[in-house]
Structure formats: structure tokens, C-alpha cells
Amino acid sequence: MLQAHQMAGRLREIILNGVWVANTNYKKELLGLPVEIATSKTGSLNTISVLAQHIHYYIAGILNVFKGGGLEIKDKYSFDFPAINTQQEWDKILTVFFADADELAGLIEQLPEQKLDDVFVDEKYGTYRRNIDCMIEHSYYHLGQIVLLKKLLQNKN
């Protein structure tokens, strides 16, 4: 199997439909989650909604590059999001998040193998392969936090 195809599968697994590594994924953990739980604070920790939007922020930024645009995201803004006040707002955020992740996975699948080792936007950002791998690893890191926060918050109620 081509490496780009495998990488796309790994991205879909962590965000949309897999259970191989973590026995869960973002869609399974977030779809149907009440906005009250998604936006609840636990001490100084980020909320579930902020962590989900943080991962989507990077997916959307990388997707923009894959679609021919520039790398317009900045780390310093990756946790800055407007308040979510309704279930409809939360559900819309998730719909866009999952659609963008699926679109990015589709574009990764189409990537010629030799492109994986090309520079991603600028040499300081490494290669396409590194950015895709880091996006997947970063997603697993925050999924673990989301699962723990969800358990803490649901046990309070």
C-alpha cells in the first residue's frame, strides 16, 4: 500500500472512524456530546470544545495548503475561539471539523509518493510527511485529554 494512502487512513482513523490505536476517535467522542459538557471548565484545563477546535484549526490550516493556498495559521492563535453558546453552534463546528478532516485525508491519498518528502511551504516546517505525521500524533495527544475530561465531567453529573 502506498504511504500516502496509509497516512490518509491513519488521519481518518483518529478523527473519523478508527479504534485501532486508542479504541476511539474524535467523531465517536464528540458527536452527540452536549454543549454543556463540551464547554465546561475543569480547573485551569482547556475545555473539550477548545481542544477539538484546536485540532481542527491545524487540520484546516494544512488543508488550505493542500488546496493551493498558503499556510495562514499561527500557533499563538491555535487556542483562541469564540464562545459556543448553543448546541447548534457546537454541532456546526463538529460538522465542519469532520468534513475538513475527511477532505484532507482525501487529498493526502492523492498525493504522489515523492511529494511526501518535499518541503512543506518552507524548509523550517519540514516535509509533507512530517506535517501529516505530526498532525496525526498531535491529534492522538489531545484525544487522550478529551477522553479524560469527558470522564471527569460526566462523573460530576
N, C-alpha and C. Protein backbone atom coordinates (compact mmCIF):
# COMPACT_ATOMS: atom_id res chain seq x y z
N MET A 1 0.85 -1.18 0.00
CA MET A 1 0.00 0.00 0.00
C MET A 1 0.89 1.24 0.00
N LEU A 2 0.50 2.23 -0.73
CA LEU A 2 1.25 3.47 -0.80
C LEU A 2 1.24 4.19 0.55
N GLN A 3 2.37 4.83 0.87
CA GLN A 3 2.48 5.51 2.16
C GLN A 3 1.46 6.64 2.31
N ALA A 4 1.23 7.40 1.27
CA ALA A 4 0.25 8.49 1.35
C ALA A 4 -1.14 7.93 1.67
N HIS A 5 -1.47 6.82 1.06
CA HIS A 5 -2.76 6.17 1.32
C HIS A 5 -2.85 5.71 2.79
N GLN A 6 -1.76 5.15 3.30
CA GLN A 6 -1.72 4.72 4.70
C GLN A 6 -1.87 5.91 5.64
N MET A 7 -1.20 7.00 5.33
CA MET A 7 -1.27 8.19 6.18
C MET A 7 -2.69 8.76 6.19
N ALA A 8 -3.33 8.77 5.05
CA ALA A 8 -4.71 9.24 4.97
C ALA A 8 -5.61 8.36 5.83
N GLY A 9 -5.38 7.07 5.78
CA GLY A 9 -6.15 6.14 6.61
C GLY A 9 -5.94 6.38 8.09
N ARG A 10 -4.71 6.70 8.46
CA ARG A 10 -4.42 6.98 9.88
C ARG A 10 -5.11 8.26 10.34
N LEU A 11 -5.15 9.27 9.47
CA LEU A 11 -5.84 10.51 9.82
C LEU A 11 -7.34 10.25 9.98
N ARG A 12 -7.92 9.51 9.04
CA ARG A 12 -9.35 9.18 9.15
C ARG A 12 -9.61 8.38 10.43
N GLU A 13 -8.67 7.48 10.75
CA GLU A 13 -8.85 6.65 11.93
C GLU A 13 -8.94 7.48 13.21
N ILE A 14 -8.04 8.40 13.41
CA ILE A 14 -8.04 9.17 14.64
C ILE A 14 -9.20 10.18 14.70
N ILE A 15 -9.57 10.73 13.57
CA ILE A 15 -10.61 11.75 13.59
C ILE A 15 -12.01 11.17 13.36
N LEU A 16 -12.14 10.27 12.41
CA LEU A 16 -13.48 9.91 11.93
C LEU A 16 -14.02 8.53 12.28
N ASN A 17 -13.18 7.50 12.26
CA ASN A 17 -13.82 6.18 12.31
C ASN A 17 -12.99 5.05 12.89
N GLY A 18 -11.83 5.30 13.40
CA GLY A 18 -10.98 4.21 13.83
C GLY A 18 -11.06 3.89 15.30
N VAL A 19 -10.58 2.70 15.63
CA VAL A 19 -10.48 2.28 17.02
C VAL A 19 -9.20 1.49 17.25
N TRP A 20 -8.34 1.42 16.26
CA TRP A 20 -7.16 0.56 16.32
C TRP A 20 -6.20 0.96 17.43
N VAL A 21 -5.82 2.21 17.51
CA VAL A 21 -4.80 2.64 18.46
C VAL A 21 -5.42 3.03 19.81
N ALA A 22 -6.41 3.89 19.80
CA ALA A 22 -6.96 4.45 21.04
C ALA A 22 -8.31 3.86 21.43
N ASN A 23 -8.80 2.94 20.65
CA ASN A 23 -10.11 2.33 20.87
C ASN A 23 -11.24 3.35 20.77
N THR A 24 -10.96 4.50 20.16
CA THR A 24 -11.96 5.54 19.96
C THR A 24 -11.43 6.53 18.93
N ASN A 25 -12.21 7.56 18.65
CA ASN A 25 -11.80 8.62 17.71
C ASN A 25 -12.58 9.89 18.06
N TYR A 26 -12.23 10.99 17.43
CA TYR A 26 -12.88 12.26 17.74
C TYR A 26 -14.38 12.21 17.48
N LYS A 27 -14.77 11.67 16.34
CA LYS A 27 -16.19 11.65 16.00
C LYS A 27 -16.98 10.85 17.04
N LYS A 28 -16.46 9.70 17.44
CA LYS A 28 -17.13 8.87 18.44
C LYS A 28 -17.26 9.61 19.77
N GLU A 29 -16.23 10.33 20.16
CA GLU A 29 -16.23 11.02 21.45
C GLU A 29 -17.04 12.32 21.44
N LEU A 30 -17.13 12.98 20.29
CA LEU A 30 -17.71 14.33 20.26
C LEU A 30 -19.12 14.41 19.70
N LEU A 31 -19.44 13.55 18.74
CA LEU A 31 -20.77 13.61 18.13
C LEU A 31 -21.83 13.29 19.18
N GLY A 32 -22.78 14.16 19.33
CA GLY A 32 -23.83 13.97 20.31
C GLY A 32 -23.47 14.45 21.71
N LEU A 33 -22.26 14.93 21.90
CA LEU A 33 -21.85 15.44 23.21
C LEU A 33 -22.59 16.75 23.49
N PRO A 34 -23.28 16.85 24.61
CA PRO A 34 -23.99 18.09 24.92
C PRO A 34 -23.02 19.28 25.03
N VAL A 35 -23.46 20.40 24.51
CA VAL A 35 -22.64 21.61 24.54
C VAL A 35 -22.25 21.98 25.96
N GLU A 36 -23.10 21.66 26.92
CA GLU A 36 -22.81 21.98 28.32
C GLU A 36 -21.57 21.23 28.81
N ILE A 37 -21.40 20.01 28.37
CA ILE A 37 -20.21 19.24 28.74
C ILE A 37 -19.01 19.69 27.90
N ALA A 38 -19.23 19.91 26.62
CA ALA A 38 -18.13 20.31 25.73
C ALA A 38 -17.49 21.62 26.16
N THR A 39 -18.28 22.50 26.75
CA THR A 39 -17.76 23.83 27.12
C THR A 39 -17.50 23.99 28.61
N SER A 40 -17.67 22.94 29.39
CA SER A 40 -17.45 23.01 30.84
C SER A 40 -15.97 23.10 31.18
N LYS A 41 -15.66 23.99 32.09
CA LYS A 41 -14.28 24.14 32.56
C LYS A 41 -14.02 23.17 33.71
N THR A 42 -12.82 22.64 33.74
CA THR A 42 -12.32 21.84 34.85
C THR A 42 -11.02 22.50 35.28
N GLY A 43 -11.10 23.28 36.33
CA GLY A 43 -9.91 23.99 36.80
C GLY A 43 -9.35 24.88 35.71
N SER A 44 -8.04 24.81 35.52
CA SER A 44 -7.38 25.64 34.51
C SER A 44 -7.20 24.91 33.18
N LEU A 45 -7.79 23.72 33.06
CA LEU A 45 -7.63 22.93 31.84
C LEU A 45 -8.46 23.50 30.69
N ASN A 46 -8.04 23.23 29.48
CA ASN A 46 -8.83 23.60 28.31
C ASN A 46 -10.12 22.79 28.31
N THR A 47 -11.15 23.35 27.71
CA THR A 47 -12.40 22.61 27.59
C THR A 47 -12.30 21.62 26.43
N ILE A 48 -13.23 20.68 26.41
CA ILE A 48 -13.29 19.73 25.31
C ILE A 48 -13.49 20.47 23.99
N SER A 49 -14.36 21.47 24.00
CA SER A 49 -14.63 22.21 22.76
C SER A 49 -13.38 22.94 22.26
N VAL A 50 -12.62 23.52 23.16
CA VAL A 50 -11.40 24.21 22.76
C VAL A 50 -10.38 23.22 22.19
N LEU A 51 -10.24 22.06 22.80
CA LEU A 51 -9.29 21.06 22.29
C LEU A 51 -9.70 20.56 20.91
N ALA A 52 -10.99 20.34 20.71
CA ALA A 52 -11.47 19.90 19.40
C ALA A 52 -11.23 20.99 18.35
N GLN A 53 -11.52 22.23 18.70
CA GLN A 53 -11.31 23.33 17.76
C GLN A 53 -9.82 23.56 17.48
N HIS A 54 -8.99 23.32 18.47
CA HIS A 54 -7.54 23.42 18.32
C HIS A 54 -7.05 22.45 17.25
N ILE A 55 -7.49 21.21 17.33
CA ILE A 55 -7.09 20.22 16.33
C ILE A 55 -7.66 20.60 14.97
N HIS A 56 -8.90 21.03 14.94
CA HIS A 56 -9.48 21.44 13.66
C HIS A 56 -8.73 22.63 13.07
N TYR A 57 -8.29 23.54 13.89
CA TYR A 57 -7.53 24.71 13.43
C TYR A 57 -6.33 24.27 12.60
N TYR A 58 -5.60 23.27 13.09
CA TYR A 58 -4.43 22.78 12.36
C TYR A 58 -4.82 21.99 11.12
N ILE A 59 -5.86 21.20 11.22
CA ILE A 59 -6.33 20.45 10.04
C ILE A 59 -6.74 21.43 8.95
N ALA A 60 -7.50 22.46 9.31
CA ALA A 60 -7.94 23.45 8.34
C ALA A 60 -6.76 24.20 7.73
N GLY A 61 -5.75 24.48 8.54
CA GLY A 61 -4.57 25.18 8.04
C GLY A 61 -3.78 24.34 7.04
N ILE A 62 -3.62 23.07 7.34
CA ILE A 62 -2.92 22.16 6.43
C ILE A 62 -3.76 21.93 5.18
N LEU A 63 -5.06 21.78 5.36
CA LEU A 63 -5.97 21.61 4.23
C LEU A 63 -5.85 22.78 3.26
N ASN A 64 -5.76 23.98 3.78
CA ASN A 64 -5.62 25.16 2.93
C ASN A 64 -4.38 25.05 2.04
N VAL A 65 -3.28 24.56 2.59
CA VAL A 65 -2.05 24.38 1.79
C VAL A 65 -2.28 23.32 0.73
N PHE A 66 -2.90 22.21 1.09
CA PHE A 66 -3.16 21.14 0.12
C PHE A 66 -4.07 21.60 -1.01
N LYS A 67 -4.90 22.60 -0.74
CA LYS A 67 -5.80 23.13 -1.76
C LYS A 67 -5.18 24.27 -2.56
N GLY A 68 -3.88 24.51 -2.33
CA GLY A 68 -3.18 25.51 -3.12
C GLY A 68 -3.01 26.85 -2.44
N GLY A 69 -3.50 26.99 -1.23
CA GLY A 69 -3.37 28.25 -0.51
C GLY A 69 -2.09 28.30 0.32
N GLY A 70 -1.97 29.33 1.09
CA GLY A 70 -0.80 29.49 1.95
C GLY A 70 -1.02 28.90 3.33
N LEU A 71 0.05 28.85 4.09
CA LEU A 71 -0.03 28.42 5.48
C LEU A 71 -0.34 29.66 6.30
N GLU A 72 -1.60 29.84 6.64
CA GLU A 72 -2.08 31.07 7.26
C GLU A 72 -2.32 30.94 8.75
N ILE A 73 -2.05 29.77 9.32
CA ILE A 73 -2.29 29.57 10.75
C ILE A 73 -1.05 29.96 11.55
N LYS A 74 -1.28 30.31 12.79
CA LYS A 74 -0.21 30.69 13.71
C LYS A 74 -0.45 29.99 15.04
N ASP A 75 0.60 29.40 15.61
CA ASP A 75 0.47 28.70 16.88
C ASP A 75 -0.18 29.57 17.95
N LYS A 76 0.18 30.86 17.97
CA LYS A 76 -0.31 31.73 19.04
C LYS A 76 -1.83 31.93 19.00
N TYR A 77 -2.47 31.58 17.89
CA TYR A 77 -3.93 31.72 17.79
C TYR A 77 -4.65 30.36 17.87
N SER A 78 -3.91 29.30 18.10
CA SER A 78 -4.48 27.96 17.98
C SER A 78 -5.39 27.54 19.13
N PHE A 79 -5.53 28.40 20.13
CA PHE A 79 -6.46 28.13 21.23
C PHE A 79 -7.47 29.27 21.40
N ASP A 80 -7.50 30.20 20.46
CA ASP A 80 -8.38 31.36 20.56
C ASP A 80 -9.64 31.16 19.72
N PHE A 81 -10.75 30.91 20.40
CA PHE A 81 -12.00 30.67 19.69
C PHE A 81 -13.13 31.39 20.41
N PRO A 82 -14.13 31.84 19.64
CA PRO A 82 -15.27 32.49 20.29
C PRO A 82 -16.05 31.51 21.15
N ALA A 83 -16.76 32.04 22.11
CA ALA A 83 -17.58 31.21 22.99
C ALA A 83 -18.64 30.48 22.17
N ILE A 84 -18.94 29.26 22.61
CA ILE A 84 -20.01 28.47 22.00
C ILE A 84 -21.18 28.53 22.97
N ASN A 85 -22.33 28.97 22.48
CA ASN A 85 -23.47 29.18 23.37
C ASN A 85 -24.62 28.21 23.17
N THR A 86 -24.67 27.55 22.02
CA THR A 86 -25.81 26.68 21.76
C THR A 86 -25.34 25.33 21.22
N GLN A 87 -26.21 24.36 21.32
CA GLN A 87 -25.93 23.04 20.77
C GLN A 87 -25.76 23.14 19.25
N GLN A 88 -26.54 23.99 18.62
CA GLN A 88 -26.44 24.15 17.16
C GLN A 88 -25.06 24.67 16.75
N GLU A 89 -24.52 25.62 17.50
CA GLU A 89 -23.18 26.13 17.20
C GLU A 89 -22.14 25.01 17.35
N TRP A 90 -22.23 24.24 18.41
CA TRP A 90 -21.31 23.14 18.66
C TRP A 90 -21.42 22.10 17.56
N ASP A 91 -22.65 21.74 17.19
CA ASP A 91 -22.85 20.73 16.14
C ASP A 91 -22.29 21.21 14.80
N LYS A 92 -22.44 22.49 14.51
CA LYS A 92 -21.91 23.04 13.25
C LYS A 92 -20.38 22.98 13.25
N ILE A 93 -19.77 23.31 14.37
CA ILE A 93 -18.31 23.23 14.48
C ILE A 93 -17.84 21.81 14.20
N LEU A 94 -18.53 20.83 14.76
CA LEU A 94 -18.15 19.43 14.55
C LEU A 94 -18.35 19.01 13.10
N THR A 95 -19.44 19.44 12.49
CA THR A 95 -19.71 19.10 11.09
C THR A 95 -18.58 19.59 10.19
N VAL A 96 -18.15 20.82 10.40
CA VAL A 96 -17.06 21.39 9.59
C VAL A 96 -15.74 20.68 9.90
N PHE A 97 -15.47 20.41 11.16
CA PHE A 97 -14.27 19.71 11.59
C PHE A 97 -14.17 18.35 10.88
N PHE A 98 -15.23 17.56 10.94
CA PHE A 98 -15.19 16.23 10.36
C PHE A 98 -15.13 16.28 8.83
N ALA A 99 -15.81 17.23 8.22
CA ALA A 99 -15.75 17.38 6.76
C ALA A 99 -14.35 17.79 6.32
N ASP A 100 -13.74 18.72 7.03
CA ASP A 100 -12.38 19.15 6.68
C ASP A 100 -11.38 18.01 6.85
N ALA A 101 -11.52 17.23 7.91
CA ALA A 101 -10.62 16.09 8.13
C ALA A 101 -10.77 15.07 7.00
N ASP A 102 -11.99 14.81 6.59
CA ASP A 102 -12.22 13.85 5.50
C ASP A 102 -11.67 14.39 4.18
N GLU A 103 -11.85 15.67 3.94
CA GLU A 103 -11.32 16.27 2.71
C GLU A 103 -9.78 16.22 2.71
N LEU A 104 -9.17 16.55 3.84
CA LEU A 104 -7.71 16.49 3.92
C LEU A 104 -7.22 15.07 3.69
N ALA A 105 -7.87 14.09 4.29
CA ALA A 105 -7.47 12.69 4.08
C ALA A 105 -7.57 12.33 2.61
N GLY A 106 -8.61 12.78 1.94
CA GLY A 106 -8.75 12.52 0.50
C GLY A 106 -7.63 13.12 -0.31
N LEU A 107 -7.21 14.32 0.05
CA LEU A 107 -6.11 14.97 -0.66
C LEU A 107 -4.77 14.30 -0.36
N ILE A 108 -4.60 13.84 0.86
CA ILE A 108 -3.38 13.11 1.21
C ILE A 108 -3.29 11.83 0.38
N GLU A 109 -4.41 11.13 0.25
CA GLU A 109 -4.45 9.90 -0.55
C GLU A 109 -3.99 10.12 -1.98
N GLN A 110 -4.31 11.27 -2.52
CA GLN A 110 -3.98 11.60 -3.91
C GLN A 110 -2.55 12.10 -4.08
N LEU A 111 -1.86 12.32 -2.97
CA LEU A 111 -0.51 12.88 -3.02
C LEU A 111 0.47 11.89 -3.65
N PRO A 112 1.20 12.31 -4.67
CA PRO A 112 2.22 11.42 -5.22
C PRO A 112 3.26 11.08 -4.14
N GLU A 113 3.71 9.85 -4.13
CA GLU A 113 4.64 9.39 -3.08
C GLU A 113 5.86 10.29 -2.95
N GLN A 114 6.42 10.75 -4.05
CA GLN A 114 7.62 11.57 -3.98
C GLN A 114 7.36 12.93 -3.34
N LYS A 115 6.10 13.37 -3.36
CA LYS A 115 5.73 14.66 -2.75
C LYS A 115 5.84 14.62 -1.22
N LEU A 116 5.73 13.41 -0.63
CA LEU A 116 5.80 13.28 0.82
C LEU A 116 7.11 13.84 1.39
N ASP A 117 8.17 13.75 0.62
CA ASP A 117 9.47 14.22 1.10
C ASP A 117 9.83 15.61 0.59
N ASP A 118 8.89 16.28 -0.06
CA ASP A 118 9.10 17.66 -0.48
C ASP A 118 8.90 18.60 0.70
N VAL A 119 9.48 19.77 0.62
CA VAL A 119 9.34 20.80 1.66
C VAL A 119 7.87 21.23 1.73
N PHE A 120 7.38 21.33 2.95
CA PHE A 120 6.02 21.79 3.20
C PHE A 120 6.06 23.30 3.42
N VAL A 121 5.72 24.07 2.43
CA VAL A 121 5.63 25.52 2.46
C VAL A 121 7.01 26.19 2.60
N ASP A 122 7.74 25.85 3.64
CA ASP A 122 9.04 26.46 3.93
C ASP A 122 9.89 25.40 4.63
N GLU A 123 11.18 25.42 4.40
CA GLU A 123 12.06 24.40 4.99
C GLU A 123 11.92 24.30 6.50
N LYS A 124 11.64 25.42 7.16
CA LYS A 124 11.53 25.38 8.63
C LYS A 124 10.36 24.52 9.10
N TYR A 125 9.41 24.21 8.22
CA TYR A 125 8.28 23.36 8.58
C TYR A 125 8.49 21.89 8.21
N GLY A 126 9.62 21.57 7.64
CA GLY A 126 9.89 20.18 7.29
C GLY A 126 9.17 19.76 6.02
N THR A 127 8.88 18.46 5.94
CA THR A 127 8.30 17.89 4.74
C THR A 127 6.79 17.67 4.90
N TYR A 128 6.17 17.33 3.78
CA TYR A 128 4.76 16.96 3.84
C TYR A 128 4.57 15.77 4.79
N ARG A 129 5.45 14.78 4.67
CA ARG A 129 5.36 13.59 5.53
C ARG A 129 5.40 13.98 7.01
N ARG A 130 6.34 14.83 7.37
CA ARG A 130 6.48 15.25 8.77
C ARG A 130 5.23 15.97 9.26
N ASN A 131 4.68 16.84 8.44
CA ASN A 131 3.49 17.58 8.84
C ASN A 131 2.27 16.67 8.98
N ILE A 132 2.12 15.72 8.11
CA ILE A 132 1.00 14.78 8.21
C ILE A 132 1.18 13.91 9.45
N ASP A 133 2.36 13.36 9.63
CA ASP A 133 2.62 12.53 10.81
C ASP A 133 2.41 13.31 12.10
N CYS A 134 2.91 14.53 12.16
CA CYS A 134 2.75 15.36 13.37
C CYS A 134 1.29 15.68 13.62
N MET A 135 0.52 15.91 12.56
CA MET A 135 -0.91 16.19 12.74
C MET A 135 -1.61 15.00 13.37
N ILE A 136 -1.26 13.81 12.93
CA ILE A 136 -1.85 12.59 13.48
C ILE A 136 -1.44 12.41 14.94
N GLU A 137 -0.15 12.55 15.23
CA GLU A 137 0.34 12.40 16.61
C GLU A 137 -0.26 13.46 17.53
N HIS A 138 -0.32 14.67 17.07
CA HIS A 138 -0.91 15.77 17.83
C HIS A 138 -2.38 15.47 18.14
N SER A 139 -3.07 14.92 17.17
CA SER A 139 -4.48 14.57 17.36
C SER A 139 -4.66 13.50 18.43
N TYR A 140 -3.79 12.50 18.43
CA TYR A 140 -3.88 11.46 19.47
C TYR A 140 -3.63 12.06 20.86
N TYR A 141 -2.66 12.94 20.95
CA TYR A 141 -2.34 13.58 22.23
C TYR A 141 -3.58 14.26 22.82
N HIS A 142 -4.24 15.08 22.00
CA HIS A 142 -5.40 15.82 22.50
C HIS A 142 -6.63 14.94 22.65
N LEU A 143 -6.73 13.87 21.86
CA LEU A 143 -7.86 12.94 22.05
C LEU A 143 -7.80 12.33 23.45
N GLY A 144 -6.61 11.99 23.89
CA GLY A 144 -6.47 11.46 25.25
C GLY A 144 -6.97 12.45 26.29
N GLN A 145 -6.66 13.71 26.10
CA GLN A 145 -7.14 14.73 27.03
C GLN A 145 -8.67 14.83 27.00
N ILE A 146 -9.22 14.78 25.80
CA ILE A 146 -10.68 14.87 25.64
C ILE A 146 -11.37 13.71 26.35
N VAL A 147 -10.84 12.51 26.17
CA VAL A 147 -11.44 11.34 26.81
C VAL A 147 -11.41 11.49 28.33
N LEU A 148 -10.28 11.92 28.87
CA LEU A 148 -10.19 12.12 30.32
C LEU A 148 -11.13 13.21 30.81
N LEU A 149 -11.17 14.33 30.12
CA LEU A 149 -12.07 15.42 30.51
C LEU A 149 -13.52 14.97 30.46
N LYS A 150 -13.86 14.26 29.43
CA LYS A 150 -15.23 13.78 29.28
C LYS A 150 -15.62 12.87 30.45
N LYS A 151 -14.72 11.99 30.85
CA LYS A 151 -14.99 11.11 32.00
C LYS A 151 -15.14 11.92 33.28
N LEU A 152 -14.25 12.88 33.50
CA LEU A 152 -14.34 13.72 34.69
C LEU A 152 -15.66 14.49 34.74
N LEU A 153 -16.03 15.07 33.61
CA LEU A 153 -17.24 15.90 33.56
C LEU A 153 -18.51 15.07 33.66
N GLN A 154 -18.52 13.92 33.04
CA GLN A 154 -19.73 13.09 33.09
C GLN A 154 -19.89 12.44 34.46
N ASN A 155 -18.80 12.22 35.18
CA ASN A 155 -18.89 11.66 36.53
C ASN A 155 -19.35 12.69 37.55
N LYS A 156 -19.21 13.99 37.23
CA LYS A 156 -19.70 15.05 38.11
C LYS A 156 -21.22 15.10 38.13
N ASN A 157 -21.80 14.72 37.01
CA ASN A 157 -23.27 14.84 36.86
C ASN A 157 -24.01 13.61 37.30
